[in-house]
Amino acid sequence: MAPPSLPHVLIIHEVADYRAWKKVFDAAAHIRREAGERSYQVLRYENEPERIVHFSAWTSIADARRFFESPRLARIREEAGVRAPEFIYLQELEAGRM
């Protein structure tokens, strides 16, 4: 029997400057880990380099919501130059490798 899957969060947002955003993102790694993030991927739109996708696995949807919707993270997003973030909370139904 497979272990239960972790919930995921998909965040799509625009950043003013990727390098500046990435610096703040990396500096907040310990905060994300303490809040419940277990893995992540950072992706970029092919033709829109300022549109960033952050896809991450979390201990629970509640932990992710508490973190992403906190005033502390709102300040961090502002510092990082994030515009118009969209948060999508997801529960995995199936996964596989091809």
PDB file of N, CA and C in Angstrom:
ATOM      1  N   MET A   1       0.840  -1.182   0.000  1.00  0.00           N
ATOM      2  CA  MET A   1       0.000   0.000   0.000  1.00  0.00           C
ATOM      3  C   MET A   1       0.888   1.250   0.000  1.00  0.00           C
ATOM      4  N   ALA A   2       0.573   2.172  -0.896  1.00  0.00           N
ATOM      5  CA  ALA A   2       1.358   3.404  -1.018  1.00  0.00           C
ATOM      6  C   ALA A   2       1.082   4.332   0.158  1.00  0.00           C
ATOM      7  N   PRO A   3       2.092   5.073   0.600  1.00  0.00           N
ATOM      8  CA  PRO A   3       1.869   6.040   1.679  1.00  0.00           C
ATOM      9  C   PRO A   3       0.927   7.136   1.195  1.00  0.00           C
ATOM     10  N   PRO A   4       0.209   7.762   2.116  1.00  0.00           N
ATOM     11  CA  PRO A   4      -0.696   8.835   1.697  1.00  0.00           C
ATOM     12  C   PRO A   4       0.073   9.977   1.051  1.00  0.00           C
ATOM     13  N   SER A   5      -0.517  10.569   0.049  1.00  0.00           N
ATOM     14  CA  SER A   5       0.156  11.660  -0.655  1.00  0.00           C
ATOM     15  C   SER A   5       0.017  12.967   0.121  1.00  0.00           C
ATOM     16  N   LEU A   6       0.959  13.832  -0.112  1.00  0.00           N
ATOM     17  CA  LEU A   6       0.916  15.157   0.497  1.00  0.00           C
ATOM     18  C   LEU A   6       0.071  16.079  -0.370  1.00  0.00           C
ATOM     19  N   PRO A   7      -0.634  17.012   0.236  1.00  0.00           N
ATOM     20  CA  PRO A   7      -1.334  18.014  -0.565  1.00  0.00           C
ATOM     21  C   PRO A   7      -0.328  18.949  -1.224  1.00  0.00           C
ATOM     22  N   HIS A   8      -0.750  19.592  -2.280  1.00  0.00           N
ATOM     23  CA  HIS A   8       0.115  20.500  -3.033  1.00  0.00           C
ATOM     24  C   HIS A   8      -0.508  21.884  -3.130  1.00  0.00           C
ATOM     25  N   VAL A   9       0.357  22.844  -3.374  1.00  0.00           N
ATOM     26  CA  VAL A   9      -0.085  24.217  -3.625  1.00  0.00           C
ATOM     27  C   VAL A   9       0.577  24.667  -4.917  1.00  0.00           C
ATOM     28  N   LEU A  10      -0.233  25.239  -5.789  1.00  0.00           N
ATOM     29  CA  LEU A  10       0.244  25.813  -7.040  1.00  0.00           C
ATOM     30  C   LEU A  10       0.050  27.316  -6.932  1.00  0.00           C
ATOM     31  N   ILE A  11       1.136  28.053  -7.071  1.00  0.00           N
ATOM     32  CA  ILE A  11       1.075  29.517  -6.995  1.00  0.00           C
ATOM     33  C   ILE A  11       1.587  30.073  -8.311  1.00  0.00           C
ATOM     34  N   ILE A  12       0.792  30.937  -8.887  1.00  0.00           N
ATOM     35  CA  ILE A  12       1.192  31.622 -10.111  1.00  0.00           C
ATOM     36  C   ILE A  12       1.215  33.111  -9.787  1.00  0.00           C
ATOM     37  N   HIS A  13       2.331  33.750 -10.060  1.00  0.00           N
ATOM     38  CA  HIS A  13       2.414  35.187  -9.806  1.00  0.00           C
ATOM     39  C   HIS A  13       3.449  35.842 -10.712  1.00  0.00           C
ATOM     40  N   GLU A  14       3.296  37.132 -10.830  1.00  0.00           N
ATOM     41  CA  GLU A  14       4.266  37.930 -11.577  1.00  0.00           C
ATOM     42  C   GLU A  14       5.252  38.524 -10.588  1.00  0.00           C
ATOM     43  N   VAL A  15       6.495  38.631 -11.021  1.00  0.00           N
ATOM     44  CA  VAL A  15       7.528  39.253 -10.196  1.00  0.00           C
ATOM     45  C   VAL A  15       8.150  40.406 -10.973  1.00  0.00           C
ATOM     46  N   ALA A  16       8.551  41.423 -10.254  1.00  0.00           N
ATOM     47  CA  ALA A  16       9.168  42.580 -10.898  1.00  0.00           C
ATOM     48  C   ALA A  16      10.544  42.219 -11.459  1.00  0.00           C
ATOM     49  N   ASP A  17      11.286  41.401 -10.720  1.00  0.00           N
ATOM     50  CA  ASP A  17      12.642  41.017 -11.108  1.00  0.00           C
ATOM     51  C   ASP A  17      12.905  39.623 -10.555  1.00  0.00           C
ATOM     52  N   TYR A  18      13.120  38.652 -11.427  1.00  0.00           N
ATOM     53  CA  TYR A  18      13.288  37.262 -10.982  1.00  0.00           C
ATOM     54  C   TYR A  18      14.437  37.100  -9.993  1.00  0.00           C
ATOM     55  N   ARG A  19      15.588  37.673 -10.287  1.00  0.00           N
ATOM     56  CA  ARG A  19      16.745  37.499  -9.397  1.00  0.00           C
ATOM     57  C   ARG A  19      16.474  38.045  -8.001  1.00  0.00           C
ATOM     58  N   ALA A  20      15.822  39.195  -7.919  1.00  0.00           N
ATOM     59  CA  ALA A  20      15.474  39.765  -6.614  1.00  0.00           C
ATOM     60  C   ALA A  20      14.464  38.866  -5.901  1.00  0.00           C
ATOM     61  N   TRP A  21      13.469  38.378  -6.647  1.00  0.00           N
ATOM     62  CA  TRP A  21      12.468  37.473  -6.065  1.00  0.00           C
ATOM     63  C   TRP A  21      13.142  36.211  -5.546  1.00  0.00           C
ATOM     64  N   LYS A  22      14.037  35.631  -6.336  1.00  0.00           N
ATOM     65  CA  LYS A  22      14.684  34.362  -5.976  1.00  0.00           C
ATOM     66  C   LYS A  22      15.529  34.516  -4.716  1.00  0.00           C
ATOM     67  N   LYS A  23      16.150  35.653  -4.560  1.00  0.00           N
ATOM     68  CA  LYS A  23      16.952  35.917  -3.359  1.00  0.00           C
ATOM     69  C   LYS A  23      16.070  35.872  -2.111  1.00  0.00           C
ATOM     70  N   VAL A  24      14.917  36.523  -2.165  1.00  0.00           N
ATOM     71  CA  VAL A  24      13.983  36.526  -1.037  1.00  0.00           C
ATOM     72  C   VAL A  24      13.401  35.126  -0.843  1.00  0.00           C
ATOM     73  N   PHE A  25      13.040  34.452  -1.937  1.00  0.00           N
ATOM     74  CA  PHE A  25      12.496  33.095  -1.878  1.00  0.00           C
ATOM     75  C   PHE A  25      13.477  32.157  -1.171  1.00  0.00           C
ATOM     76  N   ASP A  26      14.741  32.201  -1.562  1.00  0.00           N
ATOM     77  CA  ASP A  26      15.750  31.336  -0.955  1.00  0.00           C
ATOM     78  C   ASP A  26      15.961  31.670   0.524  1.00  0.00           C
ATOM     79  N   ALA A  27      15.942  32.950   0.864  1.00  0.00           N
ATOM     80  CA  ALA A  27      16.135  33.367   2.256  1.00  0.00           C
ATOM     81  C   ALA A  27      14.986  32.894   3.145  1.00  0.00           C
ATOM     82  N   ALA A  28      13.820  32.665   2.562  1.00  0.00           N
ATOM     83  CA  ALA A  28      12.644  32.231   3.328  1.00  0.00           C
ATOM     84  C   ALA A  28      12.503  30.711   3.383  1.00  0.00           C
ATOM     85  N   ALA A  29      13.483  29.974   2.904  1.00  0.00           N
ATOM     86  CA  ALA A  29      13.381  28.508   2.866  1.00  0.00           C
ATOM     87  C   ALA A  29      13.116  27.921   4.254  1.00  0.00           C
ATOM     88  N   HIS A  30      13.803  28.394   5.259  1.00  0.00           N
ATOM     89  CA  HIS A  30      13.604  27.847   6.605  1.00  0.00           C
ATOM     90  C   HIS A  30      12.199  28.148   7.125  1.00  0.00           C
ATOM     91  N   ILE A  31      11.648  29.302   6.772  1.00  0.00           N
ATOM     92  CA  ILE A  31      10.292  29.657   7.191  1.00  0.00           C
ATOM     93  C   ILE A  31       9.288  28.724   6.521  1.00  0.00           C
ATOM     94  N   ARG A  32       9.484  28.471   5.232  1.00  0.00           N
ATOM     95  CA  ARG A  32       8.586  27.562   4.505  1.00  0.00           C
ATOM     96  C   ARG A  32       8.664  26.151   5.073  1.00  0.00           C
ATOM     97  N   ARG A  33       9.866  25.688   5.347  1.00  0.00           N
ATOM     98  CA  ARG A  33      10.063  24.340   5.894  1.00  0.00           C
ATOM     99  C   ARG A  33       9.375  24.216   7.258  1.00  0.00           C
ATOM    100  N   GLU A  34       9.579  25.196   8.139  1.00  0.00           N
ATOM    101  CA  GLU A  34       8.940  25.177   9.459  1.00  0.00           C
ATOM    102  C   GLU A  34       7.421  25.217   9.363  1.00  0.00           C
ATOM    103  N   ALA A  35       6.899  25.883   8.337  1.00  0.00           N
ATOM    104  CA  ALA A  35       5.450  25.993   8.158  1.00  0.00           C
ATOM    105  C   ALA A  35       4.837  24.713   7.600  1.00  0.00           C
ATOM    106  N   GLY A  36       5.656  23.842   6.976  1.00  0.00           N
ATOM    107  CA  GLY A  36       5.135  22.573   6.483  1.00  0.00           C
ATOM    108  C   GLY A  36       5.433  22.243   5.037  1.00  0.00           C
ATOM    109  N   GLU A  37       6.184  23.087   4.344  1.00  0.00           N
ATOM    110  CA  GLU A  37       6.533  22.765   2.961  1.00  0.00           C
ATOM    111  C   GLU A  37       7.538  21.607   2.966  1.00  0.00           C
ATOM    112  N   ARG A  38       7.308  20.605   2.111  1.00  0.00           N
ATOM    113  CA  ARG A  38       8.176  19.431   2.076  1.00  0.00           C
ATOM    114  C   ARG A  38       8.981  19.309   0.795  1.00  0.00           C
ATOM    115  N   SER A  39       8.513  19.888  -0.284  1.00  0.00           N
ATOM    116  CA  SER A  39       9.281  19.920  -1.530  1.00  0.00           C
ATOM    117  C   SER A  39       8.704  21.041  -2.389  1.00  0.00           C
ATOM    118  N   TYR A  40       9.482  21.464  -3.380  1.00  0.00           N
ATOM    119  CA  TYR A  40       8.997  22.532  -4.253  1.00  0.00           C
ATOM    120  C   TYR A  40       9.657  22.453  -5.617  1.00  0.00           C
ATOM    121  N   GLN A  41       9.014  23.083  -6.561  1.00  0.00           N
ATOM    122  CA  GLN A  41       9.569  23.338  -7.887  1.00  0.00           C
ATOM    123  C   GLN A  41       9.265  24.791  -8.209  1.00  0.00           C
ATOM    124  N   VAL A  42      10.195  25.451  -8.871  1.00  0.00           N
ATOM    125  CA  VAL A  42       9.971  26.798  -9.375  1.00  0.00           C
ATOM    126  C   VAL A  42      10.063  26.708 -10.894  1.00  0.00           C
ATOM    127  N   LEU A  43       9.034  27.195 -11.547  1.00  0.00           N
ATOM    128  CA  LEU A  43       8.942  27.151 -13.001  1.00  0.00           C
ATOM    129  C   LEU A  43       8.676  28.549 -13.529  1.00  0.00           C
ATOM    130  N   ARG A  44       8.979  28.739 -14.792  1.00  0.00           N
ATOM    131  CA  ARG A  44       8.792  30.040 -15.427  1.00  0.00           C
ATOM    132  C   ARG A  44       8.029  29.825 -16.727  1.00  0.00           C
ATOM    133  N   TYR A  45       7.129  30.737 -17.020  1.00  0.00           N
ATOM    134  CA  TYR A  45       6.426  30.683 -18.307  1.00  0.00           C
ATOM    135  C   TYR A  45       7.453  30.835 -19.430  1.00  0.00           C
ATOM    136  N   GLU A  46       7.287  30.093 -20.487  1.00  0.00           N
ATOM    137  CA  GLU A  46       8.254  30.104 -21.587  1.00  0.00           C
ATOM    138  C   GLU A  46       8.421  31.491 -22.209  1.00  0.00           C
ATOM    139  N   ASN A  47       7.319  32.163 -22.470  1.00  0.00           N
ATOM    140  CA  ASN A  47       7.381  33.456 -23.165  1.00  0.00           C
ATOM    141  C   ASN A  47       7.108  34.652 -22.268  1.00  0.00           C
ATOM    142  N   GLU A  48       6.968  34.411 -20.958  1.00  0.00           N
ATOM    143  CA  GLU A  48       6.726  35.491 -19.998  1.00  0.00           C
ATOM    144  C   GLU A  48       7.627  35.254 -18.786  1.00  0.00           C
ATOM    145  N   PRO A  49       8.892  35.627 -18.883  1.00  0.00           N
ATOM    146  CA  PRO A  49       9.850  35.301 -17.817  1.00  0.00           C
ATOM    147  C   PRO A  49       9.525  35.904 -16.455  1.00  0.00           C
ATOM    148  N   GLU A  50       8.647  36.900 -16.407  1.00  0.00           N
ATOM    149  CA  GLU A  50       8.277  37.487 -15.116  1.00  0.00           C
ATOM    150  C   GLU A  50       7.119  36.746 -14.456  1.00  0.00           C
ATOM    151  N   ARG A  51       6.523  35.760 -15.141  1.00  0.00           N
ATOM    152  CA  ARG A  51       5.448  34.934 -14.558  1.00  0.00           C
ATOM    153  C   ARG A  51       6.065  33.654 -14.009  1.00  0.00           C
ATOM    154  N   ILE A  52       6.016  33.528 -12.689  1.00  0.00           N
ATOM    155  CA  ILE A  52       6.647  32.430 -11.975  1.00  0.00           C
ATOM    156  C   ILE A  52       5.577  31.490 -11.425  1.00  0.00           C
ATOM    157  N   VAL A  53       5.884  30.207 -11.469  1.00  0.00           N
ATOM    158  CA  VAL A  53       5.027  29.179 -10.879  1.00  0.00           C
ATOM    159  C   VAL A  53       5.819  28.510  -9.759  1.00  0.00           C
ATOM    160  N   HIS A  54       5.230  28.478  -8.591  1.00  0.00           N
ATOM    161  CA  HIS A  54       5.824  27.799  -7.424  1.00  0.00           C
ATOM    162  C   HIS A  54       4.884  26.643  -7.107  1.00  0.00           C
ATOM    163  N   PHE A  55       5.359  25.418  -7.281  1.00  0.00           N
ATOM    164  CA  PHE A  55       4.567  24.210  -7.038  1.00  0.00           C
ATOM    165  C   PHE A  55       5.200  23.484  -5.873  1.00  0.00           C
ATOM    166  N   SER A  56       4.437  23.233  -4.805  1.00  0.00           N
ATOM    167  CA  SER A  56       5.044  22.658  -3.610  1.00  0.00           C
ATOM    168  C   SER A  56       4.135  21.647  -2.933  1.00  0.00           C
ATOM    169  N   ALA A  57       4.765  20.703  -2.215  1.00  0.00           N
ATOM    170  CA  ALA A  57       4.056  19.714  -1.407  1.00  0.00           C
ATOM    171  C   ALA A  57       4.103  20.176   0.048  1.00  0.00           C
ATOM    172  N   TRP A  58       2.989  19.965   0.755  1.00  0.00           N
ATOM    173  CA  TRP A  58       2.850  20.444   2.136  1.00  0.00           C
ATOM    174  C   TRP A  58       2.355  19.345   3.059  1.00  0.00           C
ATOM    175  N   THR A  59       2.600  19.540   4.348  1.00  0.00           N
ATOM    176  CA  THR A  59       2.129  18.590   5.351  1.00  0.00           C
ATOM    177  C   THR A  59       0.607  18.538   5.391  1.00  0.00           C
ATOM    178  N   SER A  60      -0.047  19.672   5.142  1.00  0.00           N
ATOM    179  CA  SER A  60      -1.503  19.714   5.089  1.00  0.00           C
ATOM    180  C   SER A  60      -1.946  20.989   4.373  1.00  0.00           C
ATOM    181  N   ILE A  61      -3.158  20.958   3.866  1.00  0.00           N
ATOM    182  CA  ILE A  61      -3.738  22.159   3.247  1.00  0.00           C
ATOM    183  C   ILE A  61      -3.863  23.258   4.302  1.00  0.00           C
ATOM    184  N   ALA A  62      -4.253  22.887   5.507  1.00  0.00           N
ATOM    185  CA  ALA A  62      -4.399  23.878   6.582  1.00  0.00           C
ATOM    186  C   ALA A  62      -3.078  24.581   6.867  1.00  0.00           C
ATOM    187  N   ASP A  63      -1.979  23.815   6.920  1.00  0.00           N
ATOM    188  CA  ASP A  63      -0.665  24.424   7.148  1.00  0.00           C
ATOM    189  C   ASP A  63      -0.304  25.379   6.013  1.00  0.00           C
ATOM    190  N   ALA A  64      -0.566  24.959   4.780  1.00  0.00           N
ATOM    191  CA  ALA A  64      -0.249  25.793   3.622  1.00  0.00           C
ATOM    192  C   ALA A  64      -1.073  27.081   3.639  1.00  0.00           C
ATOM    193  N   ARG A  65      -2.373  26.961   3.878  1.00  0.00           N
ATOM    194  CA  ARG A  65      -3.234  28.165   3.930  1.00  0.00           C
ATOM    195  C   ARG A  65      -2.769  29.116   5.025  1.00  0.00           C
ATOM    196  N   ARG A  66      -2.484  28.556   6.199  1.00  0.00           N
ATOM    197  CA  ARG A  66      -2.045  29.395   7.323  1.00  0.00           C
ATOM    198  C   ARG A  66      -0.797  30.186   6.937  1.00  0.00           C
ATOM    199  N   PHE A  67       0.127  29.529   6.236  1.00  0.00           N
ATOM    200  CA  PHE A  67       1.363  30.189   5.826  1.00  0.00           C
ATOM    201  C   PHE A  67       1.128  31.206   4.712  1.00  0.00           C
ATOM    202  N   PHE A  68       0.511  30.766   3.618  1.00  0.00           N
ATOM    203  CA  PHE A  68       0.374  31.634   2.450  1.00  0.00           C
ATOM    204  C   PHE A  68      -0.570  32.807   2.675  1.00  0.00           C
ATOM    205  N   GLU A  69      -1.503  32.665   3.590  1.00  0.00           N
ATOM    206  CA  GLU A  69      -2.464  33.733   3.839  1.00  0.00           C
ATOM    207  C   GLU A  69      -2.109  34.577   5.062  1.00  0.00           C
ATOM    208  N   SER A  70      -0.903  34.414   5.572  1.00  0.00           N
ATOM    209  CA  SER A  70      -0.477  35.139   6.768  1.00  0.00           C
ATOM    210  C   SER A  70       0.012  36.546   6.429  1.00  0.00           C
ATOM    211  N   PRO A  71      -0.147  37.485   7.373  1.00  0.00           N
ATOM    212  CA  PRO A  71       0.389  38.831   7.175  1.00  0.00           C
ATOM    213  C   PRO A  71       1.904  38.823   6.984  1.00  0.00           C
ATOM    214  N   ARG A  72       2.590  37.883   7.646  1.00  0.00           N
ATOM    215  CA  ARG A  72       4.043  37.791   7.511  1.00  0.00           C
ATOM    216  C   ARG A  72       4.431  37.511   6.064  1.00  0.00           C
ATOM    217  N   LEU A  73       3.726  36.578   5.432  1.00  0.00           N
ATOM    218  CA  LEU A  73       4.063  36.260   4.052  1.00  0.00           C
ATOM    219  C   LEU A  73       3.646  37.392   3.111  1.00  0.00           C
ATOM    220  N   ALA A  74       2.595  38.105   3.433  1.00  0.00           N
ATOM    221  CA  ALA A  74       2.203  39.254   2.611  1.00  0.00           C
ATOM    222  C   ALA A  74       3.339  40.272   2.567  1.00  0.00           C
ATOM    223  N   ARG A  75       4.001  40.486   3.706  1.00  0.00           N
ATOM    224  CA  ARG A  75       5.144  41.408   3.756  1.00  0.00           C
ATOM    225  C   ARG A  75       6.318  40.867   2.940  1.00  0.00           C
ATOM    226  N   ILE A  76       6.562  39.557   3.030  1.00  0.00           N
ATOM    227  CA  ILE A  76       7.653  38.941   2.268  1.00  0.00           C
ATOM    228  C   ILE A  76       7.380  39.052   0.774  1.00  0.00           C
ATOM    229  N   ARG A  77       6.127  38.805   0.357  1.00  0.00           N
ATOM    230  CA  ARG A  77       5.778  38.932  -1.064  1.00  0.00           C
ATOM    231  C   ARG A  77       5.999  40.359  -1.552  1.00  0.00           C
ATOM    232  N   GLU A  78       5.633  41.327  -0.734  1.00  0.00           N
ATOM    233  CA  GLU A  78       5.832  42.728  -1.114  1.00  0.00           C
ATOM    234  C   GLU A  78       7.319  43.032  -1.282  1.00  0.00           C
ATOM    235  N   GLU A  79       8.116  42.557  -0.350  1.00  0.00           N
ATOM    236  CA  GLU A  79       9.573  42.744  -0.408  1.00  0.00           C
ATOM    237  C   GLU A  79      10.155  42.102  -1.665  1.00  0.00           C
ATOM    238  N   ALA A  80       9.585  40.972  -2.073  1.00  0.00           N
ATOM    239  CA  ALA A  80      10.096  40.226  -3.223  1.00  0.00           C
ATOM    240  C   ALA A  80       9.589  40.754  -4.559  1.00  0.00           C
ATOM    241  N   GLY A  81       8.689  41.735  -4.541  1.00  0.00           N
ATOM    242  CA  GLY A  81       8.178  42.294  -5.786  1.00  0.00           C
ATOM    243  C   GLY A  81       7.126  41.434  -6.463  1.00  0.00           C
ATOM    244  N   VAL A  82       6.380  40.676  -5.674  1.00  0.00           N
ATOM    245  CA  VAL A  82       5.330  39.809  -6.215  1.00  0.00           C
ATOM    246  C   VAL A  82       4.081  40.623  -6.506  1.00  0.00           C
ATOM    247  N   ARG A  83       3.501  40.357  -7.689  1.00  0.00           N
ATOM    248  CA  ARG A  83       2.239  41.009  -8.075  1.00  0.00           C
ATOM    249  C   ARG A  83       1.202  39.927  -8.373  1.00  0.00           C
ATOM    250  N   ALA A  84      -0.011  40.136  -7.922  1.00  0.00           N
ATOM    251  CA  ALA A  84      -1.176  39.321  -8.270  1.00  0.00           C
ATOM    252  C   ALA A  84      -0.977  37.817  -8.078  1.00  0.00           C
ATOM    253  N   PRO A  85      -0.641  37.366  -6.857  1.00  0.00           N
ATOM    254  CA  PRO A  85      -0.479  35.926  -6.673  1.00  0.00           C
ATOM    255  C   PRO A  85      -1.828  35.199  -6.714  1.00  0.00           C
ATOM    256  N   GLU A  86      -1.811  34.020  -7.304  1.00  0.00           N
ATOM    257  CA  GLU A  86      -2.989  33.150  -7.326  1.00  0.00           C
ATOM    258  C   GLU A  86      -2.592  31.849  -6.639  1.00  0.00           C
ATOM    259  N   PHE A  87      -3.332  31.477  -5.590  1.00  0.00           N
ATOM    260  CA  PHE A  87      -3.047  30.272  -4.823  1.00  0.00           C
ATOM    261  C   PHE A  87      -4.085  29.213  -5.153  1.00  0.00           C
ATOM    262  N   ILE A  88      -3.621  28.021  -5.508  1.00  0.00           N
ATOM    263  CA  ILE A  88      -4.503  26.903  -5.808  1.00  0.00           C
ATOM    264  C   ILE A  88      -4.074  25.745  -4.913  1.00  0.00           C
ATOM    265  N   TYR A  89      -4.987  25.318  -4.042  1.00  0.00           N
ATOM    266  CA  TYR A  89      -4.697  24.234  -3.104  1.00  0.00           C
ATOM    267  C   TYR A  89      -5.214  22.928  -3.715  1.00  0.00           C
ATOM    268  N   LEU A  90      -4.341  21.904  -3.772  1.00  0.00           N
ATOM    269  CA  LEU A  90      -4.643  20.674  -4.497  1.00  0.00           C
ATOM    270  C   LEU A  90      -4.407  19.430  -3.646  1.00  0.00           C
ATOM    271  N   GLN A  91      -5.276  18.442  -3.820  1.00  0.00           N
ATOM    272  CA  GLN A  91      -5.079  17.128  -3.207  1.00  0.00           C
ATOM    273  C   GLN A  91      -4.806  16.139  -4.319  1.00  0.00           C
ATOM    274  N   GLU A  92      -3.722  15.415  -4.230  1.00  0.00           N
ATOM    275  CA  GLU A  92      -3.342  14.469  -5.273  1.00  0.00           C
ATOM    276  C   GLU A  92      -4.323  13.302  -5.339  1.00  0.00           C
ATOM    277  N   LEU A  93      -4.705  12.957  -6.555  1.00  0.00           N
ATOM    278  CA  LEU A  93      -5.544  11.787  -6.790  1.00  0.00           C
ATOM    279  C   LEU A  93      -4.721  10.604  -7.283  1.00  0.00           C
ATOM    280  N   GLU A  94      -3.697  10.913  -8.069  1.00  0.00           N
ATOM    281  CA  GLU A  94      -2.899   9.852  -8.652  1.00  0.00           C
ATOM    282  C   GLU A  94      -1.567  10.438  -9.117  1.00  0.00           C
ATOM    283  N   ALA A  95      -0.540   9.597  -9.120  1.00  0.00           N
ATOM    284  CA  ALA A  95       0.769  10.010  -9.618  1.00  0.00           C
ATOM    285  C   ALA A  95       1.429   8.814 -10.279  1.00  0.00           C
ATOM    286  N   GLY A  96       2.339   9.071 -11.172  1.00  0.00           N
ATOM    287  CA  GLY A  96       3.057   7.999 -11.831  1.00  0.00           C
ATOM    288  C   GLY A  96       4.268   8.541 -12.564  1.00  0.00           C
ATOM    289  N   ARG A  97       5.111   7.653 -12.992  1.00  0.00           N
ATOM    290  CA  ARG A  97       6.277   8.007 -13.793  1.00  0.00           C
ATOM    291  C   ARG A  97       6.187   7.230 -15.093  1.00  0.00           C
ATOM    292  N   MET A  98       6.549   7.878 -16.165  1.00  0.00           N
ATOM    293  CA  MET A  98       6.472   7.241 -17.482  1.00  0.00           C
ATOM    294  C   MET A  98       7.872   7.028 -18.027  1.00  0.00           C
TER     295      MET A  98
END
